[in-house]
PDB file of all heavy atoms in Angstrom:
ATOM      1  N   SER A   1      31.890 104.678 142.748  1.00  0.00           N
ATOM      2  CA  SER A   1      30.775 105.409 142.156  1.00  0.00           C
ATOM      3  C   SER A   1      30.498 106.705 142.913  1.00  0.00           C
ATOM      4  O   SER A   1      30.265 107.747 142.307  1.00  0.00           O
ATOM      5  CB  SER A   1      29.521 104.529 142.146  1.00  0.00           C
ATOM      6  OG  SER A   1      28.410 105.258 141.647  1.00  0.00           O
ATOM      7  N   LEU A   2      30.543 106.642 144.247  1.00  0.00           N
ATOM      8  CA  LEU A   2      30.320 107.812 145.080  1.00  0.00           C
ATOM      9  C   LEU A   2      31.374 108.879 144.814  1.00  0.00           C
ATOM     10  O   LEU A   2      31.070 110.087 144.750  1.00  0.00           O
ATOM     11  CB  LEU A   2      30.333 107.434 146.566  1.00  0.00           C
ATOM     12  CG  LEU A   2      30.210 108.550 147.580  1.00  0.00           C
ATOM     13  CD1 LEU A   2      28.860 109.283 147.424  1.00  0.00           C
ATOM     14  CD2 LEU A   2      30.389 108.029 148.980  1.00  0.00           C
ATOM     15  N   LEU A   3      32.633 108.442 144.591  1.00  0.00           N
ATOM     16  CA  LEU A   3      33.735 109.353 144.346  1.00  0.00           C
ATOM     17  C   LEU A   3      33.847 109.746 142.870  1.00  0.00           C
ATOM     18  O   LEU A   3      34.766 110.475 142.483  1.00  0.00           O
ATOM     19  CB  LEU A   3      35.051 108.738 144.831  1.00  0.00           C
ATOM     20  CG  LEU A   3      35.107 108.397 146.337  1.00  0.00           C
ATOM     21  CD1 LEU A   3      36.470 107.800 146.693  1.00  0.00           C
ATOM     22  CD2 LEU A   3      34.825 109.613 147.184  1.00  0.00           C
ATOM     23  N   GLU A   4      32.943 109.211 142.058  1.00  0.00           N
ATOM     24  CA  GLU A   4      32.852 109.516 140.629  1.00  0.00           C
ATOM     25  C   GLU A   4      34.141 109.163 139.883  1.00  0.00           C
ATOM     26  O   GLU A   4      34.667 109.946 139.080  1.00  0.00           O
ATOM     27  CB  GLU A   4      32.437 110.984 140.432  1.00  0.00           C
ATOM     28  CG  GLU A   4      31.061 111.282 141.009  1.00  0.00           C
ATOM     29  CD  GLU A   4      30.678 112.760 140.935  1.00  0.00           C
ATOM     30  OE1 GLU A   4      31.434 113.572 140.405  1.00  0.00           O
ATOM     31  OE2 GLU A   4      29.560 113.079 141.426  1.00  0.00           O
ATOM     32  N   ILE A   5      34.653 107.966 140.194  1.00  0.00           N
ATOM     33  CA  ILE A   5      35.775 107.394 139.466  1.00  0.00           C
ATOM     34  C   ILE A   5      35.428 105.951 139.174  1.00  0.00           C
ATOM     35  O   ILE A   5      34.438 105.395 139.692  1.00  0.00           O
ATOM     36  CB  ILE A   5      37.076 107.448 140.287  1.00  0.00           C
ATOM     37  CG1 ILE A   5      36.919 106.684 141.619  1.00  0.00           C
ATOM     38  CG2 ILE A   5      37.519 108.906 140.534  1.00  0.00           C
ATOM     39  CD1 ILE A   5      38.187 106.609 142.460  1.00  0.00           C
ATOM     40  N   SER A   6      36.212 105.304 138.306  1.00  0.00           N
ATOM     41  CA  SER A   6      35.961 103.884 137.994  1.00  0.00           C
ATOM     42  C   SER A   6      36.494 103.001 139.105  1.00  0.00           C
ATOM     43  O   SER A   6      37.407 103.401 139.849  1.00  0.00           O
ATOM     44  CB  SER A   6      36.601 103.519 136.671  1.00  0.00           C
ATOM     45  OG  SER A   6      38.007 103.511 136.787  1.00  0.00           O
ATOM     46  N   ASP A   7      35.945 101.792 139.182  1.00  0.00           N
ATOM     47  CA  ASP A   7      36.437 100.846 140.168  1.00  0.00           C
ATOM     48  C   ASP A   7      37.897 100.489 139.871  1.00  0.00           C
ATOM     49  O   ASP A   7      38.680 100.303 140.793  1.00  0.00           O
ATOM     50  CB  ASP A   7      35.578  99.579 140.147  1.00  0.00           C
ATOM     51  CG  ASP A   7      36.006  98.561 141.202  1.00  0.00           C
ATOM     52  OD1 ASP A   7      36.212  98.968 142.358  1.00  0.00           O
ATOM     53  OD2 ASP A   7      36.188  97.376 140.835  1.00  0.00           O
ATOM     54  N   TYR A   8      38.255 100.438 138.590  1.00  0.00           N
ATOM     55  CA  TYR A   8      39.640 100.150 138.215  1.00  0.00           C
ATOM     56  C   TYR A   8      40.572 101.228 138.736  1.00  0.00           C
ATOM     57  O   TYR A   8      41.658 100.933 139.264  1.00  0.00           O
ATOM     58  CB  TYR A   8      39.791 100.009 136.705  1.00  0.00           C
ATOM     59  CG  TYR A   8      41.239  99.889 136.295  1.00  0.00           C
ATOM     60  CD1 TYR A   8      41.920  98.676 136.450  1.00  0.00           C
ATOM     61  CD2 TYR A   8      41.934 100.985 135.792  1.00  0.00           C
ATOM     62  CE1 TYR A   8      43.274  98.566 136.118  1.00  0.00           C
ATOM     63  CE2 TYR A   8      43.278 100.880 135.445  1.00  0.00           C
ATOM     64  CZ  TYR A   8      43.947  99.673 135.620  1.00  0.00           C
ATOM     65  OH  TYR A   8      45.274  99.564 135.299  1.00  0.00           O
ATOM     66  N   GLN A   9      40.182 102.497 138.568  1.00  0.00           N
ATOM     67  CA  GLN A   9      41.024 103.597 139.065  1.00  0.00           C
ATOM     68  C   GLN A   9      41.248 103.489 140.583  1.00  0.00           C
ATOM     69  O   GLN A   9      42.360 103.690 141.064  1.00  0.00           O
ATOM     70  CB  GLN A   9      40.362 104.948 138.744  1.00  0.00           C
ATOM     71  CG  GLN A   9      40.457 105.326 137.274  1.00  0.00           C
ATOM     72  CD  GLN A   9      39.687 106.609 136.989  1.00  0.00           C
ATOM     73  OE1 GLN A   9      38.567 106.771 137.428  1.00  0.00           O
ATOM     74  NE2 GLN A   9      40.299 107.494 136.227  1.00  0.00           N
ATOM     75  N   LEU A  10      40.198 103.158 141.307  1.00  0.00           N
ATOM     76  CA  LEU A  10      40.305 103.028 142.766  1.00  0.00           C
ATOM     77  C   LEU A  10      41.222 101.850 143.107  1.00  0.00           C
ATOM     78  O   LEU A  10      42.123 101.978 143.956  1.00  0.00           O
ATOM     79  CB  LEU A  10      38.929 102.834 143.382  1.00  0.00           C
ATOM     80  CG  LEU A  10      38.887 102.746 144.927  1.00  0.00           C
ATOM     81  CD1 LEU A  10      39.503 103.986 145.548  1.00  0.00           C
ATOM     82  CD2 LEU A  10      37.443 102.565 145.409  1.00  0.00           C
ATOM     83  N   ARG A  11      41.024 100.711 142.455  1.00  0.00           N
ATOM     84  CA  ARG A  11      41.837  99.517 142.712  1.00  0.00           C
ATOM     85  C   ARG A  11      43.297  99.775 142.367  1.00  0.00           C
ATOM     86  O   ARG A  11      44.215  99.376 143.074  1.00  0.00           O
ATOM     87  CB  ARG A  11      41.321  98.313 141.926  1.00  0.00           C
ATOM     88  CG  ARG A  11      40.067  97.687 142.513  1.00  0.00           C
ATOM     89  CD  ARG A  11      39.715  96.360 141.831  1.00  0.00           C
ATOM     90  NE  ARG A  11      39.302  96.569 140.427  1.00  0.00           N
ATOM     91  CZ  ARG A  11      40.008  96.191 139.378  1.00  0.00           C
ATOM     92  NH1 ARG A  11      41.195  95.594 139.527  1.00  0.00           N
ATOM     93  NH2 ARG A  11      39.561  96.393 138.158  1.00  0.00           N
ATOM     94  N   TYR A  12      43.514 100.470 141.245  1.00  0.00           N
ATOM     95  CA  TYR A  12      44.876 100.724 140.775  1.00  0.00           C
ATOM     96  C   TYR A  12      45.665 101.546 141.803  1.00  0.00           C
ATOM     97  O   TYR A  12      46.800 101.198 142.142  1.00  0.00           O
ATOM     98  CB  TYR A  12      44.838 101.441 139.428  1.00  0.00           C
ATOM     99  CG  TYR A  12      46.233 101.796 138.908  1.00  0.00           C
ATOM    100  CD1 TYR A  12      47.014 100.829 138.297  1.00  0.00           C
ATOM    101  CD2 TYR A  12      46.738 103.087 139.054  1.00  0.00           C
ATOM    102  CE1 TYR A  12      48.288 101.131 137.819  1.00  0.00           C
ATOM    103  CE2 TYR A  12      48.017 103.388 138.604  1.00  0.00           C
ATOM    104  CZ  TYR A  12      48.776 102.422 137.970  1.00  0.00           C
ATOM    105  OH  TYR A  12      50.051 102.713 137.524  1.00  0.00           O
ATOM    106  N   HIS A  13      45.039 102.628 142.279  1.00  0.00           N
ATOM    107  CA  HIS A  13      45.755 103.521 143.176  1.00  0.00           C
ATOM    108  C   HIS A  13      45.843 102.994 144.607  1.00  0.00           C
ATOM    109  O   HIS A  13      46.718 103.452 145.380  1.00  0.00           O
ATOM    110  CB  HIS A  13      45.127 104.901 143.148  1.00  0.00           C
ATOM    111  CG  HIS A  13      45.329 105.610 141.827  1.00  0.00           C
ATOM    112  ND1 HIS A  13      46.567 106.036 141.406  1.00  0.00           N
ATOM    113  CD2 HIS A  13      44.463 105.908 140.831  1.00  0.00           C
ATOM    114  CE1 HIS A  13      46.442 106.586 140.207  1.00  0.00           C
ATOM    115  NE2 HIS A  13      45.186 106.526 139.844  1.00  0.00           N
ATOM    116  N   LEU A  14      45.019 102.014 144.954  1.00  0.00           N
ATOM    117  CA  LEU A  14      45.106 101.431 146.284  1.00  0.00           C
ATOM    118  C   LEU A  14      45.965 100.174 146.319  1.00  0.00           C
ATOM    119  O   LEU A  14      46.693  99.926 147.302  1.00  0.00           O
ATOM    120  CB  LEU A  14      43.705 101.085 146.810  1.00  0.00           C
ATOM    121  CG  LEU A  14      42.791 102.264 147.215  1.00  0.00           C
ATOM    122  CD1 LEU A  14      41.505 101.709 147.812  1.00  0.00           C
ATOM    123  CD2 LEU A  14      43.483 103.167 148.214  1.00  0.00           C
ATOM    124  N   TYR A  15      45.928  99.365 145.259  1.00  0.00           N
ATOM    125  CA  TYR A  15      46.533  98.037 145.338  1.00  0.00           C
ATOM    126  C   TYR A  15      47.608  97.731 144.272  1.00  0.00           C
ATOM    127  O   TYR A  15      48.393  96.810 144.439  1.00  0.00           O
ATOM    128  CB  TYR A  15      45.452  96.948 145.248  1.00  0.00           C
ATOM    129  CG  TYR A  15      44.277  97.192 146.170  1.00  0.00           C
ATOM    130  CD1 TYR A  15      42.985  97.280 145.683  1.00  0.00           C
ATOM    131  CD2 TYR A  15      44.465  97.350 147.530  1.00  0.00           C
ATOM    132  CE1 TYR A  15      41.910  97.536 146.513  1.00  0.00           C
ATOM    133  CE2 TYR A  15      43.411  97.588 148.378  1.00  0.00           C
ATOM    134  CZ  TYR A  15      42.114  97.670 147.874  1.00  0.00           C
ATOM    135  OH  TYR A  15      41.053  97.906 148.715  1.00  0.00           O
ATOM    136  N   ILE A  16      47.630  98.506 143.180  1.00  0.00           N
ATOM    137  CA  ILE A  16      48.551  98.212 142.087  1.00  0.00           C
ATOM    138  C   ILE A  16      49.724  99.194 142.036  1.00  0.00           C
ATOM    139  O   ILE A  16      50.876  98.799 141.939  1.00  0.00           O
ATOM    140  CB  ILE A  16      47.815  98.166 140.736  1.00  0.00           C
ATOM    141  CG1 ILE A  16      46.693  97.111 140.761  1.00  0.00           C
ATOM    142  CG2 ILE A  16      48.789  97.908 139.595  1.00  0.00           C
ATOM    143  CD1 ILE A  16      45.809  97.112 139.519  1.00  0.00           C
ATOM    144  N   TYR A  17      49.395 100.476 142.114  1.00  0.00           N
ATOM    145  CA  TYR A  17      50.442 101.506 142.045  1.00  0.00           C
ATOM    146  C   TYR A  17      51.407 101.319 143.223  1.00  0.00           C
ATOM    147  O   TYR A  17      50.977 101.116 144.355  1.00  0.00           O
ATOM    148  CB  TYR A  17      49.812 102.893 142.125  1.00  0.00           C
ATOM    149  CG  TYR A  17      50.763 104.023 141.780  1.00  0.00           C
ATOM    150  CD1 TYR A  17      51.003 104.392 140.468  1.00  0.00           C
ATOM    151  CD2 TYR A  17      51.433 104.714 142.801  1.00  0.00           C
ATOM    152  CE1 TYR A  17      51.876 105.424 140.154  1.00  0.00           C
ATOM    153  CE2 TYR A  17      52.326 105.726 142.494  1.00  0.00           C
ATOM    154  CZ  TYR A  17      52.536 106.089 141.175  1.00  0.00           C
ATOM    155  OH  TYR A  17      53.415 107.102 140.875  1.00  0.00           O
ATOM    156  N   PRO A  18      52.709 101.320 142.974  1.00  0.00           N
ATOM    157  CA  PRO A  18      53.699 101.061 144.054  1.00  0.00           C
ATOM    158  C   PRO A  18      53.509 102.007 145.246  1.00  0.00           C
ATOM    159  O   PRO A  18      53.497 103.221 145.073  1.00  0.00           O
ATOM    160  CB  PRO A  18      55.035 101.313 143.367  1.00  0.00           C
ATOM    161  CG  PRO A  18      54.772 101.089 141.900  1.00  0.00           C
ATOM    162  CD  PRO A  18      53.361 101.566 141.681  1.00  0.00           C
ATOM    163  N   ARG A  19      53.392 101.443 146.425  1.00  0.00           N
ATOM    164  CA  ARG A  19      53.127 102.247 147.619  1.00  0.00           C
ATOM    165  C   ARG A  19      54.289 103.169 147.947  1.00  0.00           C
ATOM    166  O   ARG A  19      54.079 104.243 148.533  1.00  0.00           O
ATOM    167  CB  ARG A  19      52.851 101.336 148.821  1.00  0.00           C
ATOM    168  CG  ARG A  19      51.627 100.427 148.665  1.00  0.00           C
ATOM    169  CD  ARG A  19      50.388 101.182 148.220  1.00  0.00           C
ATOM    170  NE  ARG A  19      49.933 102.145 149.223  1.00  0.00           N
ATOM    171  CZ  ARG A  19      48.975 103.052 149.003  1.00  0.00           C
ATOM    172  NH1 ARG A  19      48.418 103.157 147.796  1.00  0.00           N
ATOM    173  NH2 ARG A  19      48.611 103.891 149.943  1.00  0.00           N
ATOM    174  N   ASP A  20      55.506 102.790 147.598  1.00  0.00           N
ATOM    175  CA  ASP A  20      56.639 103.640 147.915  1.00  0.00           C
ATOM    176  C   ASP A  20      56.716 104.853 146.989  1.00  0.00           C
ATOM    177  O   ASP A  20      57.500 105.788 147.236  1.00  0.00           O
ATOM    178  CB  ASP A  20      57.954 102.846 147.808  1.00  0.00           C
ATOM    179  CG  ASP A  20      58.185 102.239 146.437  1.00  0.00           C
ATOM    180  OD1 ASP A  20      57.193 102.058 145.682  1.00  0.00           O
ATOM    181  OD2 ASP A  20      59.353 101.973 146.090  1.00  0.00           O
ATOM    182  N   LYS A  21      55.888 104.848 145.924  1.00  0.00           N
ATOM    183  CA  LYS A  21      55.839 106.006 145.033  1.00  0.00           C
ATOM    184  C   LYS A  21      54.537 106.811 145.201  1.00  0.00           C
ATOM    185  O   LYS A  21      54.367 107.821 144.544  1.00  0.00           O
ATOM    186  CB  LYS A  21      55.953 105.535 143.578  1.00  0.00           C
ATOM    187  CG  LYS A  21      57.293 104.881 143.238  1.00  0.00           C
ATOM    188  CD  LYS A  21      57.339 104.486 141.767  1.00  0.00           C
ATOM    189  CE  LYS A  21      58.669 103.811 141.443  1.00  0.00           C
ATOM    190  NZ  LYS A  21      58.747 103.380 140.018  1.00  0.00           N
ATOM    191  N   ALA A  22      53.658 106.312 146.056  1.00  0.00           N
ATOM    192  CA  ALA A  22      52.329 106.944 146.205  1.00  0.00           C
ATOM    193  C   ALA A  22      52.415 108.283 146.929  1.00  0.00           C
ATOM    194  O   ALA A  22      51.520 109.126 146.802  1.00  0.00           O
ATOM    195  CB  ALA A  22      51.386 106.019 146.923  1.00  0.00           C
ATOM    196  N   TYR A  23      53.473 108.469 147.722  1.00  0.00           N
ATOM    197  CA  TYR A  23      53.612 109.688 148.514  1.00  0.00           C
ATOM    198  C   TYR A  23      55.013 110.293 148.358  1.00  0.00           C
ATOM    199  O   TYR A  23      55.991 109.544 148.165  1.00  0.00           O
ATOM    200  CB  TYR A  23      53.378 109.403 149.998  1.00  0.00           C
ATOM    201  CG  TYR A  23      51.940 109.165 150.378  1.00  0.00           C
ATOM    202  CD1 TYR A  23      51.327 107.945 150.164  1.00  0.00           C
ATOM    203  CD2 TYR A  23      51.180 110.172 151.005  1.00  0.00           C
ATOM    204  CE1 TYR A  23      50.009 107.706 150.525  1.00  0.00           C
ATOM    205  CE2 TYR A  23      49.861 109.951 151.376  1.00  0.00           C
ATOM    206  CZ  TYR A  23      49.270 108.732 151.125  1.00  0.00           C
ATOM    207  OH  TYR A  23      47.976 108.518 151.474  1.00  0.00           O
ATOM    208  N   THR A  24      55.078 111.599 148.453  1.00  0.00           N
ATOM    209  CA  THR A  24      56.349 112.288 148.594  1.00  0.00           C
ATOM    210  C   THR A  24      56.518 112.655 150.054  1.00  0.00           C
ATOM    211  O   THR A  24      55.699 113.339 150.626  1.00  0.00           O
ATOM    212  CB  THR A  24      56.399 113.568 147.748  1.00  0.00           C
ATOM    213  OG1 THR A  24      56.237 113.234 146.360  1.00  0.00           O
ATOM    214  CG2 THR A  24      57.714 114.318 147.938  1.00  0.00           C
ATOM    215  N   THR A  25      57.591 112.136 150.674  1.00  0.00           N
ATOM    216  CA  THR A  25      57.783 112.350 152.120  1.00  0.00           C
ATOM    217  C   THR A  25      59.012 113.207 152.378  1.00  0.00           C
ATOM    218  O   THR A  25      60.053 113.025 151.746  1.00  0.00           O
ATOM    219  CB  THR A  25      57.944 110.989 152.832  1.00  0.00           C
ATOM    220  OG1 THR A  25      56.742 110.217 152.637  1.00  0.00           O
ATOM    221  CG2 THR A  25      58.166 111.193 154.315  1.00  0.00           C
ATOM    222  N   PHE A  26      58.854 114.183 153.271  1.00  0.00           N
ATOM    223  CA  PHE A  26      59.975 115.027 153.664  1.00  0.00           C
ATOM    224  C   PHE A  26      59.782 115.443 155.109  1.00  0.00           C
ATOM    225  O   PHE A  26      58.745 115.182 155.710  1.00  0.00           O
ATOM    226  CB  PHE A  26      60.057 116.279 152.762  1.00  0.00           C
ATOM    227  CG  PHE A  26      58.765 117.055 152.642  1.00  0.00           C
ATOM    228  CD1 PHE A  26      58.458 118.063 153.533  1.00  0.00           C
ATOM    229  CD2 PHE A  26      57.867 116.782 151.618  1.00  0.00           C
ATOM    230  CE1 PHE A  26      57.274 118.768 153.433  1.00  0.00           C
ATOM    231  CE2 PHE A  26      56.678 117.473 151.501  1.00  0.00           C
ATOM    232  CZ  PHE A  26      56.374 118.471 152.393  1.00  0.00           C
ATOM    233  N   GLN A  27      60.813 116.054 155.678  1.00  0.00           N
ATOM    234  CA  GLN A  27      60.765 116.445 157.092  1.00  0.00           C
ATOM    235  C   GLN A  27      60.942 117.946 157.275  1.00  0.00           C
ATOM    236  O   GLN A  27      61.678 118.579 156.532  1.00  0.00           O
ATOM    237  CB  GLN A  27      61.853 115.686 157.879  1.00  0.00           C
ATOM    238  CG  GLN A  27      61.612 114.194 157.988  1.00  0.00           C
ATOM    239  CD  GLN A  27      62.625 113.509 158.845  1.00  0.00           C
ATOM    240  OE1 GLN A  27      63.814 113.800 158.801  1.00  0.00           O
ATOM    241  NE2 GLN A  27      62.176 112.569 159.661  1.00  0.00           N
ATOM    242  N   ILE A  28      60.249 118.477 158.269  1.00  0.00           N
ATOM    243  CA  ILE A  28      60.354 119.888 158.630  1.00  0.00           C
ATOM    244  C   ILE A  28      60.915 119.966 160.047  1.00  0.00           C
ATOM    245  O   ILE A  28      60.373 119.339 160.965  1.00  0.00           O
ATOM    246  CB  ILE A  28      58.984 120.587 158.574  1.00  0.00           C
ATOM    247  CG1 ILE A  28      58.388 120.485 157.178  1.00  0.00           C
ATOM    248  CG2 ILE A  28      59.101 122.038 158.980  1.00  0.00           C
ATOM    249  CD1 ILE A  28      56.982 121.079 157.094  1.00  0.00           C
ATOM    250  N   PRO A  29      61.965 120.741 160.261  1.00  0.00           N
ATOM    251  CA  PRO A  29      62.497 120.882 161.629  1.00  0.00           C
ATOM    252  C   PRO A  29      61.516 121.573 162.542  1.00  0.00           C
ATOM    253  O   PRO A  29      60.860 122.537 162.148  1.00  0.00           O
ATOM    254  CB  PRO A  29      63.769 121.728 161.411  1.00  0.00           C
ATOM    255  CG  PRO A  29      64.081 121.630 159.968  1.00  0.00           C
ATOM    256  CD  PRO A  29      62.769 121.461 159.266  1.00  0.00           C
ATOM    257  N   LYS A  30      61.377 121.096 163.766  1.00  0.00           N
ATOM    258  CA  LYS A  30      60.575 121.758 164.814  1.00  0.00           C
ATOM    259  C   LYS A  30      61.482 122.664 165.628  1.00  0.00           C
ATOM    260  O   LYS A  30      62.708 122.556 165.574  1.00  0.00           O
ATOM    261  CB  LYS A  30      59.922 120.718 165.723  1.00  0.00           C
ATOM    262  CG  LYS A  30      58.956 119.769 165.040  1.00  0.00           C
ATOM    263  CD  LYS A  30      58.370 118.814 166.077  1.00  0.00           C
ATOM    264  CE  LYS A  30      57.407 117.816 165.478  1.00  0.00           C
ATOM    265  NZ  LYS A  30      56.854 116.883 166.485  1.00  0.00           N
TER     266      LYS A  30
END
């Protein structure tokens, strides 16, 4: 409610949506 989204949306993106697809990961050379 504070973030102005539904509880389902929050649950979906935290617990249902595959975690390996939640982020795009890449590397930058130092």
